[in-house]
Amino acid sequence: MHSSITLAAFRDPARVHAMCEDYRAGAYADFEIDKSDRDAGNKITIPTLALWGDAGIASAAATPLDTWKTWATNVTGGPIDSGHFLTEENPDATAKALREFFTAAP
């Protein structure tokens, strides 16, 4: 279900390096910042949308929405019929969810 656009990104060494750096930051620098925020009781208070690909998530004990609710006070969202790359694998459903979120009445 991967598009050629998605696969092209993995053929570019600079993009692969950037992806690895993002994951590395999540394990170290971002982790420490997140821990400080959690310890201080800080939460995101603006409306937040959590979207994820539903492939493999159905059997998980907690959904990404459940996880984001521990970090944000006003979070909504749900799965998109896709794998990891929502915008490439199901752009119509992803765009629909984004449009609904950004045009919803406060």
PDB file of N, CA and C in Angstrom:
ATOM      1  N   MET A   1       0.819  -1.192   0.000  1.00  0.00           N
ATOM      2  CA  MET A   1       0.000   0.000   0.000  1.00  0.00           C
ATOM      3  C   MET A   1       0.866   1.260   0.000  1.00  0.00           C
ATOM      4  N   HIS A   2       2.152   1.125  -0.187  1.00  0.00           N
ATOM      5  CA  HIS A   2       3.035   2.283  -0.227  1.00  0.00           C
ATOM      6  C   HIS A   2       3.043   2.886  -1.618  1.00  0.00           C
ATOM      7  N   SER A   3       2.996   4.193  -1.670  1.00  0.00           N
ATOM      8  CA  SER A   3       3.040   4.881  -2.957  1.00  0.00           C
ATOM      9  C   SER A   3       4.486   5.041  -3.405  1.00  0.00           C
ATOM     10  N   SER A   4       4.666   5.323  -4.685  1.00  0.00           N
ATOM     11  CA  SER A   4       6.018   5.556  -5.189  1.00  0.00           C
ATOM     12  C   SER A   4       6.610   6.817  -4.575  1.00  0.00           C
ATOM     13  N   ILE A   5       5.768   7.775  -4.186  1.00  0.00           N
ATOM     14  CA  ILE A   5       6.259   8.992  -3.526  1.00  0.00           C
ATOM     15  C   ILE A   5       6.886   8.623  -2.185  1.00  0.00           C
ATOM     16  N   THR A   6       6.225   7.767  -1.426  1.00  0.00           N
ATOM     17  CA  THR A   6       6.748   7.340  -0.139  1.00  0.00           C
ATOM     18  C   THR A   6       8.059   6.602  -0.322  1.00  0.00           C
ATOM     19  N   LEU A   7       8.116   5.680  -1.252  1.00  0.00           N
ATOM     20  CA  LEU A   7       9.337   4.911  -1.480  1.00  0.00           C
ATOM     21  C   LEU A   7      10.473   5.795  -1.965  1.00  0.00           C
ATOM     22  N   ALA A   8      10.165   6.821  -2.738  1.00  0.00           N
ATOM     23  CA  ALA A   8      11.202   7.730  -3.228  1.00  0.00           C
ATOM     24  C   ALA A   8      11.921   8.405  -2.057  1.00  0.00           C
ATOM     25  N   ALA A   9      11.183   8.735  -1.007  1.00  0.00           N
ATOM     26  CA  ALA A   9      11.803   9.383   0.159  1.00  0.00           C
ATOM     27  C   ALA A   9      12.867   8.492   0.782  1.00  0.00           C
ATOM     28  N   PHE A  10      12.636   7.188   0.777  1.00  0.00           N
ATOM     29  CA  PHE A  10      13.601   6.259   1.373  1.00  0.00           C
ATOM     30  C   PHE A  10      14.816   6.016   0.486  1.00  0.00           C
ATOM     31  N   ARG A  11      14.778   6.497  -0.729  1.00  0.00           N
ATOM     32  CA  ARG A  11      15.925   6.363  -1.633  1.00  0.00           C
ATOM     33  C   ARG A  11      16.879   7.565  -1.539  1.00  0.00           C
ATOM     34  N   ASP A  12      16.472   8.589  -0.839  1.00  0.00           N
ATOM     35  CA  ASP A  12      17.279   9.808  -0.697  1.00  0.00           C
ATOM     36  C   ASP A  12      18.032   9.746   0.636  1.00  0.00           C
ATOM     37  N   PRO A  13      19.346   9.582   0.604  1.00  0.00           N
ATOM     38  CA  PRO A  13      20.119   9.462   1.852  1.00  0.00           C
ATOM     39  C   PRO A  13      19.910  10.632   2.819  1.00  0.00           C
ATOM     40  N   ALA A  14      19.740  11.845   2.308  1.00  0.00           N
ATOM     41  CA  ALA A  14      19.535  12.999   3.196  1.00  0.00           C
ATOM     42  C   ALA A  14      18.212  12.879   3.951  1.00  0.00           C
ATOM     43  N   ARG A  15      17.183  12.384   3.275  1.00  0.00           N
ATOM     44  CA  ARG A  15      15.888  12.201   3.948  1.00  0.00           C
ATOM     45  C   ARG A  15      15.956  11.085   4.979  1.00  0.00           C
ATOM     46  N   VAL A  16      16.618  10.001   4.636  1.00  0.00           N
ATOM     47  CA  VAL A  16      16.766   8.897   5.592  1.00  0.00           C
ATOM     48  C   VAL A  16      17.521   9.391   6.820  1.00  0.00           C
ATOM     49  N   HIS A  17      18.565  10.161   6.611  1.00  0.00           N
ATOM     50  CA  HIS A  17      19.329  10.728   7.729  1.00  0.00           C
ATOM     51  C   HIS A  17      18.426  11.606   8.612  1.00  0.00           C
ATOM     52  N   ALA A  18      17.612  12.450   7.972  1.00  0.00           N
ATOM     53  CA  ALA A  18      16.708  13.328   8.730  1.00  0.00           C
ATOM     54  C   ALA A  18      15.691  12.512   9.528  1.00  0.00           C
ATOM     55  N   MET A  19      15.166  11.446   8.927  1.00  0.00           N
ATOM     56  CA  MET A  19      14.210  10.581   9.647  1.00  0.00           C
ATOM     57  C   MET A  19      14.882   9.956  10.866  1.00  0.00           C
ATOM     58  N   CYS A  20      16.113   9.486  10.685  1.00  0.00           N
ATOM     59  CA  CYS A  20      16.840   8.880  11.805  1.00  0.00           C
ATOM     60  C   CYS A  20      17.107   9.905  12.910  1.00  0.00           C
ATOM     61  N   GLU A  21      17.443  11.117  12.530  1.00  0.00           N
ATOM     62  CA  GLU A  21      17.671  12.178  13.517  1.00  0.00           C
ATOM     63  C   GLU A  21      16.394  12.481  14.296  1.00  0.00           C
ATOM     64  N   ASP A  22      15.248  12.465  13.621  1.00  0.00           N
ATOM     65  CA  ASP A  22      13.972  12.703  14.292  1.00  0.00           C
ATOM     66  C   ASP A  22      13.710  11.614  15.334  1.00  0.00           C
ATOM     67  N   TYR A  23      13.905  10.358  14.959  1.00  0.00           N
ATOM     68  CA  TYR A  23      13.712   9.254  15.911  1.00  0.00           C
ATOM     69  C   TYR A  23      14.718   9.335  17.056  1.00  0.00           C
ATOM     70  N   ARG A  24      15.955   9.706  16.749  1.00  0.00           N
ATOM     71  CA  ARG A  24      16.978   9.830  17.784  1.00  0.00           C
ATOM     72  C   ARG A  24      16.581  10.917  18.787  1.00  0.00           C
ATOM     73  N   ALA A  25      16.092  12.041  18.294  1.00  0.00           N
ATOM     74  CA  ALA A  25      15.664  13.125  19.190  1.00  0.00           C
ATOM     75  C   ALA A  25      14.521  12.651  20.083  1.00  0.00           C
ATOM     76  N   GLY A  26      13.622  11.863  19.532  1.00  0.00           N
ATOM     77  CA  GLY A  26      12.507  11.348  20.330  1.00  0.00           C
ATOM     78  C   GLY A  26      12.960  10.487  21.497  1.00  0.00           C
ATOM     79  N   ALA A  27      14.057   9.804  21.316  1.00  0.00           N
ATOM     80  CA  ALA A  27      14.564   8.926  22.370  1.00  0.00           C
ATOM     81  C   ALA A  27      15.382   9.662  23.422  1.00  0.00           C
ATOM     82  N   TYR A  28      15.892  10.848  23.077  1.00  0.00           N
ATOM     83  CA  TYR A  28      16.782  11.543  24.002  1.00  0.00           C
ATOM     84  C   TYR A  28      16.290  12.952  24.323  1.00  0.00           C
ATOM     85  N   ALA A  29      16.582  13.927  23.488  1.00  0.00           N
ATOM     86  CA  ALA A  29      16.269  15.329  23.793  1.00  0.00           C
ATOM     87  C   ALA A  29      14.768  15.537  23.980  1.00  0.00           C
ATOM     88  N   ASP A  30      13.957  15.050  23.050  1.00  0.00           N
ATOM     89  CA  ASP A  30      12.506  15.230  23.183  1.00  0.00           C
ATOM     90  C   ASP A  30      11.985  14.524  24.427  1.00  0.00           C
ATOM     91  N   PHE A  31      12.527  13.360  24.732  1.00  0.00           N
ATOM     92  CA  PHE A  31      12.094  12.602  25.899  1.00  0.00           C
ATOM     93  C   PHE A  31      12.295  13.415  27.172  1.00  0.00           C
ATOM     94  N   GLU A  32      13.459  14.036  27.305  1.00  0.00           N
ATOM     95  CA  GLU A  32      13.750  14.824  28.509  1.00  0.00           C
ATOM     96  C   GLU A  32      12.820  16.036  28.611  1.00  0.00           C
ATOM     97  N   ILE A  33      12.566  16.710  27.501  1.00  0.00           N
ATOM     98  CA  ILE A  33      11.658  17.862  27.503  1.00  0.00           C
ATOM     99  C   ILE A  33      10.242  17.407  27.864  1.00  0.00           C
ATOM    100  N   ASP A  34       9.794  16.307  27.263  1.00  0.00           N
ATOM    101  CA  ASP A  34       8.461  15.775  27.566  1.00  0.00           C
ATOM    102  C   ASP A  34       8.352  15.367  29.031  1.00  0.00           C
ATOM    103  N   LYS A  35       9.387  14.744  29.559  1.00  0.00           N
ATOM    104  CA  LYS A  35       9.369  14.338  30.967  1.00  0.00           C
ATOM    105  C   LYS A  35       9.240  15.559  31.880  1.00  0.00           C
ATOM    106  N   SER A  36       9.970  16.620  31.569  1.00  0.00           N
ATOM    107  CA  SER A  36       9.876  17.845  32.373  1.00  0.00           C
ATOM    108  C   SER A  36       8.462  18.413  32.330  1.00  0.00           C
ATOM    109  N   ASP A  37       7.865  18.437  31.136  1.00  0.00           N
ATOM    110  CA  ASP A  37       6.483  18.930  31.020  1.00  0.00           C
ATOM    111  C   ASP A  37       5.512  18.059  31.803  1.00  0.00           C
ATOM    112  N   ARG A  38       5.654  16.744  31.680  1.00  0.00           N
ATOM    113  CA  ARG A  38       4.747  15.840  32.398  1.00  0.00           C
ATOM    114  C   ARG A  38       4.906  16.028  33.907  1.00  0.00           C
ATOM    115  N   ASP A  39       6.154  16.091  34.380  1.00  0.00           N
ATOM    116  CA  ASP A  39       6.406  16.274  35.811  1.00  0.00           C
ATOM    117  C   ASP A  39       5.820  17.589  36.322  1.00  0.00           C
ATOM    118  N   ALA A  40       5.812  18.618  35.467  1.00  0.00           N
ATOM    119  CA  ALA A  40       5.268  19.924  35.859  1.00  0.00           C
ATOM    120  C   ALA A  40       3.746  19.991  35.704  1.00  0.00           C
ATOM    121  N   GLY A  41       3.145  18.936  35.131  1.00  0.00           N
ATOM    122  CA  GLY A  41       1.692  18.933  34.927  1.00  0.00           C
ATOM    123  C   GLY A  41       1.253  19.756  33.731  1.00  0.00           C
ATOM    124  N   ASN A  42       2.182  20.106  32.843  1.00  0.00           N
ATOM    125  CA  ASN A  42       1.833  20.893  31.658  1.00  0.00           C
ATOM    126  C   ASN A  42       1.057  20.047  30.651  1.00  0.00           C
ATOM    127  N   LYS A  43       0.032  20.651  30.050  1.00  0.00           N
ATOM    128  CA  LYS A  43      -0.738  19.989  29.003  1.00  0.00           C
ATOM    129  C   LYS A  43      -0.998  20.969  27.870  1.00  0.00           C
ATOM    130  N   ILE A  44      -1.175  20.437  26.686  1.00  0.00           N
ATOM    131  CA  ILE A  44      -1.566  21.235  25.531  1.00  0.00           C
ATOM    132  C   ILE A  44      -3.032  21.607  25.738  1.00  0.00           C
ATOM    133  N   THR A  45      -3.364  22.895  25.636  1.00  0.00           N
ATOM    134  CA  THR A  45      -4.738  23.326  25.921  1.00  0.00           C
ATOM    135  C   THR A  45      -5.515  23.759  24.684  1.00  0.00           C
ATOM    136  N   ILE A  46      -4.850  23.892  23.557  1.00  0.00           N
ATOM    137  CA  ILE A  46      -5.559  24.273  22.328  1.00  0.00           C
ATOM    138  C   ILE A  46      -6.177  23.014  21.712  1.00  0.00           C
ATOM    139  N   PRO A  47      -7.213  23.174  20.881  1.00  0.00           N
ATOM    140  CA  PRO A  47      -7.778  21.995  20.216  1.00  0.00           C
ATOM    141  C   PRO A  47      -6.693  21.244  19.439  1.00  0.00           C
ATOM    142  N   THR A  48      -6.664  19.944  19.617  1.00  0.00           N
ATOM    143  CA  THR A  48      -5.623  19.097  19.035  1.00  0.00           C
ATOM    144  C   THR A  48      -6.278  17.934  18.303  1.00  0.00           C
ATOM    145  N   LEU A  49      -5.797  17.636  17.119  1.00  0.00           N
ATOM    146  CA  LEU A  49      -6.301  16.522  16.322  1.00  0.00           C
ATOM    147  C   LEU A  49      -5.242  15.431  16.261  1.00  0.00           C
ATOM    148  N   ALA A  50      -5.625  14.219  16.639  1.00  0.00           N
ATOM    149  CA  ALA A  50      -4.729  13.066  16.545  1.00  0.00           C
ATOM    150  C   ALA A  50      -5.274  12.124  15.479  1.00  0.00           C
ATOM    151  N   LEU A  51      -4.474  11.865  14.466  1.00  0.00           N
ATOM    152  CA  LEU A  51      -4.831  10.930  13.399  1.00  0.00           C
ATOM    153  C   LEU A  51      -3.741   9.867  13.305  1.00  0.00           C
ATOM    154  N   TRP A  52      -4.138   8.660  12.933  1.00  0.00           N
ATOM    155  CA  TRP A  52      -3.166   7.592  12.769  1.00  0.00           C
ATOM    156  C   TRP A  52      -3.717   6.564  11.787  1.00  0.00           C
ATOM    157  N   GLY A  53      -2.826   5.793  11.211  1.00  0.00           N
ATOM    158  CA  GLY A  53      -3.229   4.715  10.323  1.00  0.00           C
ATOM    159  C   GLY A  53      -3.741   3.546  11.143  1.00  0.00           C
ATOM    160  N   ASP A  54      -4.844   2.952  10.710  1.00  0.00           N
ATOM    161  CA  ASP A  54      -5.449   1.896  11.520  1.00  0.00           C
ATOM    162  C   ASP A  54      -4.812   0.521  11.340  1.00  0.00           C
ATOM    163  N   ALA A  55      -3.909   0.350  10.405  1.00  0.00           N
ATOM    164  CA  ALA A  55      -3.260  -0.948  10.206  1.00  0.00           C
ATOM    165  C   ALA A  55      -2.436  -1.308  11.440  1.00  0.00           C
ATOM    166  N   GLY A  56      -2.814  -2.365  12.121  1.00  0.00           N
ATOM    167  CA  GLY A  56      -2.077  -2.836  13.288  1.00  0.00           C
ATOM    168  C   GLY A  56      -2.478  -2.197  14.599  1.00  0.00           C
ATOM    169  N   ILE A  57      -3.168  -1.078  14.569  1.00  0.00           N
ATOM    170  CA  ILE A  57      -3.535  -0.376  15.808  1.00  0.00           C
ATOM    171  C   ILE A  57      -4.694  -1.071  16.526  1.00  0.00           C
ATOM    172  N   ALA A  58      -5.586  -1.703  15.792  1.00  0.00           N
ATOM    173  CA  ALA A  58      -6.802  -2.268  16.387  1.00  0.00           C
ATOM    174  C   ALA A  58      -6.508  -3.210  17.545  1.00  0.00           C
ATOM    175  N   SER A  59      -5.385  -3.919  17.509  1.00  0.00           N
ATOM    176  CA  SER A  59      -5.078  -4.862  18.573  1.00  0.00           C
ATOM    177  C   SER A  59      -4.312  -4.229  19.732  1.00  0.00           C
ATOM    178  N   ALA A  60      -3.983  -2.953  19.617  1.00  0.00           N
ATOM    179  CA  ALA A  60      -3.221  -2.283  20.676  1.00  0.00           C
ATOM    180  C   ALA A  60      -4.109  -2.034  21.900  1.00  0.00           C
ATOM    181  N   ALA A  61      -3.495  -2.044  23.063  1.00  0.00           N
ATOM    182  CA  ALA A  61      -4.240  -1.811  24.303  1.00  0.00           C
ATOM    183  C   ALA A  61      -4.737  -0.376  24.398  1.00  0.00           C
ATOM    184  N   ALA A  62      -3.945   0.563  23.930  1.00  0.00           N
ATOM    185  CA  ALA A  62      -4.333   1.975  23.964  1.00  0.00           C
ATOM    186  C   ALA A  62      -4.161   2.547  22.564  1.00  0.00           C
ATOM    187  N   THR A  63      -5.086   3.401  22.168  1.00  0.00           N
ATOM    188  CA  THR A  63      -4.990   4.039  20.859  1.00  0.00           C
ATOM    189  C   THR A  63      -4.144   5.297  20.977  1.00  0.00           C
ATOM    190  N   PRO A  64      -3.680   5.821  19.859  1.00  0.00           N
ATOM    191  CA  PRO A  64      -2.985   7.113  19.913  1.00  0.00           C
ATOM    192  C   PRO A  64      -3.867   8.204  20.546  1.00  0.00           C
ATOM    193  N   LEU A  65      -5.176   8.149  20.331  1.00  0.00           N
ATOM    194  CA  LEU A  65      -6.067   9.139  20.951  1.00  0.00           C
ATOM    195  C   LEU A  65      -5.984   9.034  22.471  1.00  0.00           C
ATOM    196  N   ASP A  66      -6.003   7.814  22.999  1.00  0.00           N
ATOM    197  CA  ASP A  66      -5.867   7.631  24.449  1.00  0.00           C
ATOM    198  C   ASP A  66      -4.552   8.222  24.952  1.00  0.00           C
ATOM    199  N   THR A  67      -3.488   7.991  24.204  1.00  0.00           N
ATOM    200  CA  THR A  67      -2.178   8.512  24.594  1.00  0.00           C
ATOM    201  C   THR A  67      -2.176  10.039  24.582  1.00  0.00           C
ATOM    202  N   TRP A  68      -2.714  10.652  23.505  1.00  0.00           N
ATOM    203  CA  TRP A  68      -2.725  12.112  23.413  1.00  0.00           C
ATOM    204  C   TRP A  68      -3.601  12.741  24.489  1.00  0.00           C
ATOM    205  N   LYS A  69      -4.611  12.034  24.964  1.00  0.00           N
ATOM    206  CA  LYS A  69      -5.452  12.583  26.037  1.00  0.00           C
ATOM    207  C   LYS A  69      -4.676  12.758  27.336  1.00  0.00           C
ATOM    208  N   THR A  70      -3.557  12.060  27.478  1.00  0.00           N
ATOM    209  CA  THR A  70      -2.722  12.292  28.666  1.00  0.00           C
ATOM    210  C   THR A  70      -1.871  13.546  28.510  1.00  0.00           C
ATOM    211  N   TRP A  71      -1.755  14.051  27.272  1.00  0.00           N
ATOM    212  CA  TRP A  71      -0.926  15.223  26.989  1.00  0.00           C
ATOM    213  C   TRP A  71      -1.723  16.481  26.666  1.00  0.00           C
ATOM    214  N   ALA A  72      -3.008  16.327  26.333  1.00  0.00           N
ATOM    215  CA  ALA A  72      -3.808  17.477  25.891  1.00  0.00           C
ATOM    216  C   ALA A  72      -5.181  17.453  26.560  1.00  0.00           C
ATOM    217  N   THR A  73      -5.739  18.634  26.780  1.00  0.00           N
ATOM    218  CA  THR A  73      -7.039  18.737  27.442  1.00  0.00           C
ATOM    219  C   THR A  73      -8.203  18.756  26.460  1.00  0.00           C
ATOM    220  N   ASN A  74      -7.936  19.009  25.182  1.00  0.00           N
ATOM    221  CA  ASN A  74      -9.004  19.136  24.184  1.00  0.00           C
ATOM    222  C   ASN A  74      -8.558  18.428  22.901  1.00  0.00           C
ATOM    223  N   VAL A  75      -8.541  17.091  22.952  1.00  0.00           N
ATOM    224  CA  VAL A  75      -8.041  16.320  21.820  1.00  0.00           C
ATOM    225  C   VAL A  75      -9.144  15.431  21.246  1.00  0.00           C
ATOM    226  N   THR A  76      -9.216  15.405  19.921  1.00  0.00           N
ATOM    227  CA  THR A  76     -10.145  14.541  19.207  1.00  0.00           C
ATOM    228  C   THR A  76      -9.375  13.855  18.096  1.00  0.00           C
ATOM    229  N   GLY A  77     -10.015  12.909  17.449  1.00  0.00           N
ATOM    230  CA  GLY A  77      -9.377  12.270  16.314  1.00  0.00           C
ATOM    231  C   GLY A  77      -9.783  10.827  16.187  1.00  0.00           C
ATOM    232  N   GLY A  78      -9.084  10.135  15.314  1.00  0.00           N
ATOM    233  CA  GLY A  78      -9.378   8.738  15.085  1.00  0.00           C
ATOM    234  C   GLY A  78      -8.504   8.165  13.997  1.00  0.00           C
ATOM    235  N   PRO A  79      -8.711   6.890  13.717  1.00  0.00           N
ATOM    236  CA  PRO A  79      -7.886   6.222  12.715  1.00  0.00           C
ATOM    237  C   PRO A  79      -8.296   6.586  11.296  1.00  0.00           C
ATOM    238  N   ILE A  80      -7.324   6.539  10.414  1.00  0.00           N
ATOM    239  CA  ILE A  80      -7.521   6.688   8.981  1.00  0.00           C
ATOM    240  C   ILE A  80      -7.238   5.316   8.366  1.00  0.00           C
ATOM    241  N   ASP A  81      -8.016   4.922   7.393  1.00  0.00           N
ATOM    242  CA  ASP A  81      -7.814   3.637   6.723  1.00  0.00           C
ATOM    243  C   ASP A  81      -6.519   3.695   5.922  1.00  0.00           C
ATOM    244  N   SER A  82      -5.409   3.373   6.595  1.00  0.00           N
ATOM    245  CA  SER A  82      -4.092   3.433   5.964  1.00  0.00           C
ATOM    246  C   SER A  82      -3.078   2.768   6.870  1.00  0.00           C
ATOM    247  N   GLY A  83      -1.855   2.771   6.411  1.00  0.00           N
ATOM    248  CA  GLY A  83      -0.739   2.349   7.235  1.00  0.00           C
ATOM    249  C   GLY A  83      -0.135   3.572   7.901  1.00  0.00           C
ATOM    250  N   HIS A  84       1.178   3.615   8.002  1.00  0.00           N
ATOM    251  CA  HIS A  84       1.884   4.676   8.714  1.00  0.00           C
ATOM    252  C   HIS A  84       1.831   6.025   8.000  1.00  0.00           C
ATOM    253  N   PHE A  85       1.762   6.010   6.664  1.00  0.00           N
ATOM    254  CA  PHE A  85       1.852   7.250   5.889  1.00  0.00           C
ATOM    255  C   PHE A  85       0.466   7.704   5.432  1.00  0.00           C
ATOM    256  N   LEU A  86      -0.275   8.334   6.322  1.00  0.00           N
ATOM    257  CA  LEU A  86      -1.677   8.699   6.072  1.00  0.00           C
ATOM    258  C   LEU A  86      -1.862   9.524   4.809  1.00  0.00           C
ATOM    259  N   THR A  87      -1.077  10.576   4.683  1.00  0.00           N
ATOM    260  CA  THR A  87      -1.295  11.493   3.562  1.00  0.00           C
ATOM    261  C   THR A  87      -0.978  10.863   2.221  1.00  0.00           C
ATOM    262  N   GLU A  88      -0.049   9.940   2.185  1.00  0.00           N
ATOM    263  CA  GLU A  88       0.274   9.270   0.933  1.00  0.00           C
ATOM    264  C   GLU A  88      -0.679   8.115   0.641  1.00  0.00           C
ATOM    265  N   GLU A  89      -1.053   7.381   1.672  1.00  0.00           N
ATOM    266  CA  GLU A  89      -1.838   6.168   1.488  1.00  0.00           C
ATOM    267  C   GLU A  89      -3.342   6.420   1.390  1.00  0.00           C
ATOM    268  N   ASN A  90      -3.825   7.459   2.043  1.00  0.00           N
ATOM    269  CA  ASN A  90      -5.251   7.780   1.978  1.00  0.00           C
ATOM    270  C   ASN A  90      -5.425   9.303   2.080  1.00  0.00           C
ATOM    271  N   PRO A  91      -5.003  10.011   1.037  1.00  0.00           N
ATOM    272  CA  PRO A  91      -5.050  11.482   1.096  1.00  0.00           C
ATOM    273  C   PRO A  91      -6.467  12.032   1.225  1.00  0.00           C
ATOM    274  N   ASP A  92      -7.449  11.386   0.613  1.00  0.00           N
ATOM    275  CA  ASP A  92      -8.818  11.916   0.683  1.00  0.00           C
ATOM    276  C   ASP A  92      -9.366  11.866   2.103  1.00  0.00           C
ATOM    277  N   ALA A  93      -9.210  10.742   2.772  1.00  0.00           N
ATOM    278  CA  ALA A  93      -9.714  10.630   4.145  1.00  0.00           C
ATOM    279  C   ALA A  93      -8.934  11.538   5.088  1.00  0.00           C
ATOM    280  N   THR A  94      -7.638  11.654   4.870  1.00  0.00           N
ATOM    281  CA  THR A  94      -6.826  12.535   5.710  1.00  0.00           C
ATOM    282  C   THR A  94      -7.248  13.989   5.525  1.00  0.00           C
ATOM    283  N   ALA A  95      -7.424  14.403   4.273  1.00  0.00           N
ATOM    284  CA  ALA A  95      -7.851  15.783   4.000  1.00  0.00           C
ATOM    285  C   ALA A  95      -9.238  16.054   4.589  1.00  0.00           C
ATOM    286  N   LYS A  96     -10.133  15.077   4.488  1.00  0.00           N
ATOM    287  CA  LYS A  96     -11.484  15.241   5.050  1.00  0.00           C
ATOM    288  C   LYS A  96     -11.415  15.456   6.564  1.00  0.00           C
ATOM    289  N   ALA A  97     -10.625  14.654   7.248  1.00  0.00           N
ATOM    290  CA  ALA A  97     -10.490  14.800   8.699  1.00  0.00           C
ATOM    291  C   ALA A  97      -9.892  16.160   9.063  1.00  0.00           C
ATOM    292  N   LEU A  98      -8.895  16.602   8.309  1.00  0.00           N
ATOM    293  CA  LEU A  98      -8.291  17.910   8.569  1.00  0.00           C
ATOM    294  C   LEU A  98      -9.278  19.048   8.304  1.00  0.00           C
ATOM    295  N   ARG A  99     -10.017  18.958   7.188  1.00  0.00           N
ATOM    296  CA  ARG A  99     -11.025  19.993   6.884  1.00  0.00           C
ATOM    297  C   ARG A  99     -12.063  20.083   7.997  1.00  0.00           C
ATOM    298  N   GLU A 100     -12.568  18.942   8.433  1.00  0.00           N
ATOM    299  CA  GLU A 100     -13.583  18.939   9.507  1.00  0.00           C
ATOM    300  C   GLU A 100     -13.027  19.543  10.797  1.00  0.00           C
ATOM    301  N   PHE A 101     -11.787  19.229  11.112  1.00  0.00           N
ATOM    302  CA  PHE A 101     -11.177  19.770  12.329  1.00  0.00           C
ATOM    303  C   PHE A 101     -11.003  21.277  12.250  1.00  0.00           C
ATOM    304  N   PHE A 102     -10.459  21.752  11.128  1.00  0.00           N
ATOM    305  CA  PHE A 102     -10.162  23.183  11.005  1.00  0.00           C
ATOM    306  C   PHE A 102     -11.389  24.048  10.741  1.00  0.00           C
ATOM    307  N   THR A 103     -12.486  23.471  10.324  1.00  0.00           N
ATOM    308  CA  THR A 103     -13.705  24.259  10.064  1.00  0.00           C
ATOM    309  C   THR A 103     -14.764  24.075  11.148  1.00  0.00           C
ATOM    310  N   ALA A 104     -14.485  23.262  12.160  1.00  0.00           N
ATOM    311  CA  ALA A 104     -15.455  23.035  13.228  1.00  0.00           C
ATOM    312  C   ALA A 104     -15.675  24.313  14.027  1.00  0.00           C
ATOM    313  N   ALA A 105     -16.903  24.474  14.453  1.00  0.00           N
ATOM    314  CA  ALA A 105     -17.225  25.634  15.305  1.00  0.00           C
ATOM    315  C   ALA A 105     -16.561  25.450  16.653  1.00  0.00           C
ATOM    316  N   PRO A 106     -16.029  26.531  17.230  1.00  0.00           N
ATOM    317  CA  PRO A 106     -15.361  26.433  18.543  1.00  0.00           C
ATOM    318  C   PRO A 106     -16.307  26.077  19.667  1.00  0.00           C
TER     319      PRO A 106
END
